[in-house]
Structures are given as C-alpha cells and as structure tokens.
C-alpha cells in the first residue's frame, strides 16, 4: 500500500495556490500540509488560520496543519473552526503538551505531536497514547529546501517499536528534505505520511512528483 503524500504549500506558488492544490489532488495526494510559523518558535513567518479558512472550500484534501508557534494553545480553537483536520504541535513549544493535545481532541480535530531533530523520542512517550500522528522533523524547522538528516530514520524505527510494544495506532509522518530517495528510505524505516514541498513544487511537474512518491513508498 502506497504512503500518504502531503504536498506542502510552503513551496507552492501563492499567486496560483488554488491551481497548485488541485494539481496535486488530482495526482493522488491525500493530504495538504500547511505550515504556520510565528517568527518566534522558528525564525520565519508563514501563513495563519486565515489561510486554512481560505483553503478549506478549495479542496477535499485532508488539511494537515503544522503549528510552529510558542503558546500553541492560543491557536487551537481558531484552527479547528477554520477547517483543520489535524493540528500538529511541537513538544518543544510548550511545557503543557498534554493539555494542548487534549484541547485539540476536544475541538474534534486529530492531534499530532512533533519532534525536532535534537529531541529524543523518549520526550513524547508519555503522550503517544493521545495522538493520531507523530511528525518526525527530518530537518530543523523553519525553512524549506534543507537537506535531509539521515540519522532521523532511527527515530522512526524507535517509534515503530513503541507502537508495537504499547499496542498503539498512530501514523508516522516525516517532513524535511523528502524526495524520491528519502521517501523510500523513511518508508522502509516505518513512516507512512510524507511531506514534500520543494521536491513537488519545483515548477517542472508537480503531478509527476506526487506519483513518484506514491510509487517509492509502496
């Protein structure tokens, strides 16, 4: 079974965003990855709840919202009302990760916990039973176009072991430097959701890139 491909609009052409979204949807992508950055937790600033609200009527794709912001609890209700299907929160962004995940679930949205390259999997073990998805950052967050960090595959393998040992059922998503080669590598390690920005939206043929990712993650 092929993996779930989540093209990132961070690399799409904002002047024709609707067209770019439809293009990957028709090609077989199931998710749309939306990065929200506050300029504090990460250096860059990008998008916001209003973008989610605008995108919702444009597509039936699952809106996978990656929240890179301090005090993430301030944004949960607004993102849920805007139409997010899943909200991902960094364990490093709040001392109250359990509370934030509770808020996300209460809002009727799927919950995801995110870990940066420098954060061990052990930091999120206490909340693995609460989440629908774990996002393993395979680059440092905040910028597109970075090189994949191969040592992150060990985190994926570790999460697979926890899933089996604890009898849990969550998806494992990877984000950062994902292309045809790294998608295959991370799929072999146990990932099943693949965020791809620069690789998909490289101005050449986004639809073909989505199909390639589907092929290599089977």
Protein backbone atom coordinates (compact mmCIF):
# COMPACT_ATOMS: atom_id res chain seq x y z
CA UNK A 1 0.00 0.00 0.00
CA UNK A 2 1.40 3.39 -1.01
CA UNK A 3 2.15 6.02 1.58
CA UNK A 4 0.14 9.18 2.12
CA UNK A 5 1.63 12.12 0.25
CA UNK A 6 1.25 15.56 1.83
CA UNK A 7 2.47 18.33 -0.51
CA UNK A 8 3.50 21.43 1.43
CA UNK A 9 2.03 24.72 0.27
CA UNK A 10 5.07 26.48 1.71
CA UNK A 11 6.73 25.72 -1.63
CA UNK A 12 3.68 26.32 -3.83
CA UNK A 13 3.09 29.43 -5.93
CA UNK A 14 0.86 31.65 -3.79
CA UNK A 15 -0.29 33.55 -6.89
CA UNK A 16 -1.98 30.39 -8.16
CA UNK A 17 -2.46 28.43 -4.97
CA UNK A 18 -5.86 27.02 -5.92
CA UNK A 19 -4.44 25.65 -9.16
CA UNK A 20 -1.43 24.13 -7.41
CA UNK A 21 -3.66 22.45 -4.83
CA UNK A 22 -5.95 20.92 -7.46
CA UNK A 23 -2.95 19.69 -9.40
CA UNK A 24 -1.61 17.55 -6.57
CA UNK A 25 -5.09 16.46 -5.54
CA UNK A 26 -5.75 15.02 -8.99
CA UNK A 27 -2.33 13.36 -8.94
CA UNK A 28 -3.25 11.28 -5.88
CA UNK A 29 -2.12 13.31 -2.87
CA UNK A 30 -4.40 12.76 0.12
CA UNK A 31 -3.14 15.43 2.49
CA UNK A 32 -2.22 19.09 2.16
CA UNK A 33 0.48 20.20 4.57
CA UNK A 34 0.11 23.75 5.87
CA UNK A 35 2.97 25.30 7.85
CA UNK A 36 2.04 28.02 10.32
CA UNK A 37 5.12 29.85 11.66
CA UNK A 38 5.14 32.67 14.19
CA UNK A 39 8.64 34.12 13.73
CA UNK A 40 9.43 33.25 17.34
CA UNK A 41 9.50 29.48 17.73
CA UNK A 42 11.14 29.45 14.29
CA UNK A 43 12.80 32.42 12.55
CA UNK A 44 10.40 32.55 9.62
CA UNK A 45 6.79 33.71 9.49
CA UNK A 46 4.27 31.99 7.26
CA UNK A 47 0.51 31.74 6.90
CA UNK A 48 -2.02 31.68 9.69
CA UNK A 49 -5.54 30.44 10.49
CA UNK A 50 -6.97 32.66 7.75
CA UNK A 51 -5.07 30.62 5.15
CA UNK A 52 -6.62 27.42 6.46
CA UNK A 53 -10.07 29.02 6.27
CA UNK A 54 -9.46 30.11 2.68
CA UNK A 55 -8.12 26.71 1.61
CA UNK A 56 -10.92 24.68 3.18
CA UNK A 57 -13.56 25.33 0.48
CA UNK A 58 -10.96 24.90 -2.29
CA UNK A 59 -10.27 21.22 -1.67
CA UNK A 60 -11.42 17.96 -0.13
CA UNK A 61 -7.85 17.10 0.82
CA UNK A 62 -7.10 16.38 4.47
CA UNK A 63 -5.68 19.62 5.90
CA UNK A 64 -2.59 18.68 7.87
CA UNK A 65 -1.68 21.80 9.86
CA UNK A 66 1.84 22.02 11.31
CA UNK A 67 1.87 24.67 14.02
CA UNK A 68 5.32 26.12 14.67
CA UNK A 69 4.49 28.65 17.35
CA UNK A 70 5.02 29.34 21.03
CA UNK A 71 1.87 29.11 23.16
CA UNK A 72 0.18 26.79 20.61
CA UNK A 73 -2.87 26.51 22.85
CA UNK A 74 -3.84 30.04 21.76
CA UNK A 75 -4.42 28.88 18.19
CA UNK A 76 -6.14 25.51 18.56
CA UNK A 77 -9.78 26.62 18.58
CA UNK A 78 -9.32 29.08 15.72
CA UNK A 79 -7.59 26.48 13.55
CA UNK A 80 -10.25 23.90 14.29
CA UNK A 81 -13.00 26.34 13.34
CA UNK A 82 -11.08 27.30 10.19
CA UNK A 83 -11.28 23.72 8.96
CA UNK A 84 -8.07 21.96 10.00
CA UNK A 85 -8.39 18.17 10.01
CA UNK A 86 -5.24 17.67 12.07
CA UNK A 87 -3.17 20.04 14.19
CA UNK A 88 0.46 19.23 14.90
CA UNK A 89 2.17 20.78 17.93
CA UNK A 90 5.86 20.72 18.81
CA UNK A 91 6.70 19.20 22.16
CA UNK A 92 9.45 21.85 22.40
CA UNK A 93 6.97 24.73 22.03
CA UNK A 94 5.05 24.27 25.26
CA UNK A 95 5.51 22.95 28.79
CA UNK A 96 1.90 21.76 28.59
CA UNK A 97 1.91 19.36 25.63
CA UNK A 98 -0.62 17.06 27.31
CA UNK A 99 -3.07 19.93 27.80
CA UNK A 100 -2.68 21.17 24.21
CA UNK A 101 -3.30 17.70 22.79
CA UNK A 102 -6.40 17.43 24.99
CA UNK A 103 -7.62 20.75 23.58
CA UNK A 104 -7.10 19.56 20.01
CA UNK A 105 -9.05 16.35 20.60
CA UNK A 106 -11.83 18.25 22.39
CA UNK A 107 -12.12 20.53 19.35
CA UNK A 108 -12.91 17.48 17.23
CA UNK A 109 -9.63 17.51 15.32
CA UNK A 110 -6.95 14.86 15.01
CA UNK A 111 -3.91 15.51 17.19
CA UNK A 112 -0.24 15.26 16.29
CA UNK A 113 2.90 15.70 18.36
CA UNK A 114 6.04 16.94 16.57
CA UNK A 115 9.69 16.45 17.50
CA UNK A 116 12.69 18.41 16.26
CA UNK A 117 15.95 16.70 15.22
CA UNK A 118 17.55 17.43 18.60
CA UNK A 119 14.67 15.99 20.63
CA UNK A 120 14.69 12.30 21.62
CA UNK A 121 11.66 10.10 21.11
CA UNK A 122 11.61 9.49 24.86
CA UNK A 123 10.34 13.08 25.29
CA UNK A 124 6.98 12.20 23.71
CA UNK A 125 6.42 8.67 25.02
CA UNK A 126 4.04 9.91 27.77
CA UNK A 127 1.64 11.33 25.15
CA UNK A 128 1.88 8.71 22.39
CA UNK A 129 -1.40 7.21 23.51
CA UNK A 130 -3.17 10.54 22.89
CA UNK A 131 -2.11 11.20 19.32
CA UNK A 132 -3.26 10.21 15.87
CA UNK A 133 0.06 11.06 14.27
CA UNK A 134 3.69 11.74 15.18
CA UNK A 135 5.73 14.07 12.98
CA UNK A 136 9.46 13.44 12.92
CA UNK A 137 11.23 16.53 11.60
CA UNK A 138 13.97 15.37 9.25
CA UNK A 139 15.40 18.89 9.05
CA UNK A 140 15.41 21.73 11.55
CA UNK A 141 12.06 23.53 11.24
CA UNK A 142 11.52 26.97 9.79
CA UNK A 143 12.87 26.86 6.25
CA UNK A 144 12.12 24.90 3.09
CA UNK A 145 14.73 23.33 0.83
CA UNK A 146 17.02 21.91 3.53
CA UNK A 147 18.99 18.67 3.22
CA UNK A 148 17.54 15.53 4.79
CA UNK A 149 19.11 14.35 8.07
CA UNK A 150 19.57 10.57 7.60
CA UNK A 151 20.05 9.86 11.31
CA UNK A 152 16.37 10.70 11.84
CA UNK A 153 15.44 7.29 10.42
CA UNK A 154 16.47 5.82 13.76
CA UNK A 155 13.70 7.83 15.45
CA UNK A 156 11.17 6.38 13.03
CA UNK A 157 12.32 2.86 13.86
CA UNK A 158 12.12 3.66 17.56
CA UNK A 159 8.54 4.89 17.18
CA UNK A 160 7.60 1.68 15.35
CA UNK A 161 8.89 -0.31 18.33
CA UNK A 162 6.85 1.81 20.75
CA UNK A 163 3.74 1.31 18.62
CA UNK A 164 4.17 -2.44 18.77
CA UNK A 165 5.14 -2.66 22.43
CA UNK A 166 2.37 -0.33 23.65
CA UNK A 167 -0.28 -1.57 21.22
CA UNK A 168 -0.83 1.91 19.76
CA UNK A 169 -2.08 3.01 16.36
CA UNK A 170 -0.68 6.31 15.11
CA UNK A 171 0.69 7.41 11.77
CA UNK A 172 4.34 8.42 11.44
CA UNK A 173 4.92 11.49 9.30
CA UNK A 174 8.25 12.84 8.05
CA UNK A 175 8.93 16.42 6.99
CA UNK A 176 12.11 17.92 5.57
CA UNK A 177 14.24 17.06 2.56
CA UNK A 178 11.76 14.47 1.32
CA UNK A 179 12.26 13.36 -2.28
CA UNK A 180 12.10 10.06 -4.17
CA UNK A 181 15.19 8.69 -2.39
CA UNK A 182 14.50 9.86 1.16
CA UNK A 183 10.82 8.92 0.95
CA UNK A 184 11.85 5.36 0.10
CA UNK A 185 14.37 5.35 2.96
CA UNK A 186 11.90 6.63 5.56
CA UNK A 187 9.13 4.34 4.32
CA UNK A 188 11.45 1.37 4.87
CA UNK A 189 12.03 2.61 8.42
CA UNK A 190 8.29 2.74 9.11
CA UNK A 191 6.98 6.17 8.08
CA UNK A 192 3.69 6.28 6.17
CA UNK A 193 2.97 10.02 5.69
CA UNK A 194 5.40 12.08 3.62
CA UNK A 195 5.52 15.88 3.50
CA UNK A 196 7.19 17.17 0.35
CA UNK A 197 7.50 20.82 -0.58
CA UNK A 198 10.44 21.75 -2.76
CA UNK A 199 10.53 18.32 -4.40
CA UNK A 200 6.90 18.52 -5.52
CA UNK A 201 6.59 22.20 -6.34
CA UNK A 202 9.80 22.61 -8.32
CA UNK A 203 8.00 24.22 -11.29
CA UNK A 204 8.60 21.18 -13.51
CA UNK A 205 5.81 18.65 -12.99
CA UNK A 206 4.23 18.51 -9.51
CA UNK A 207 1.77 15.78 -10.52
CA UNK A 208 4.57 13.51 -11.72
CA UNK A 209 6.48 14.10 -8.49
CA UNK A 210 3.45 13.05 -6.41
CA UNK A 211 3.13 9.88 -8.48
CA UNK A 212 6.81 9.09 -8.00
CA UNK A 213 6.43 9.44 -4.23
CA UNK A 214 3.41 7.14 -4.30
CA UNK A 215 5.43 4.57 -6.24
CA UNK A 216 8.51 4.58 -3.99
CA UNK A 217 6.52 4.39 -0.73
CA UNK A 218 4.56 1.26 -1.63
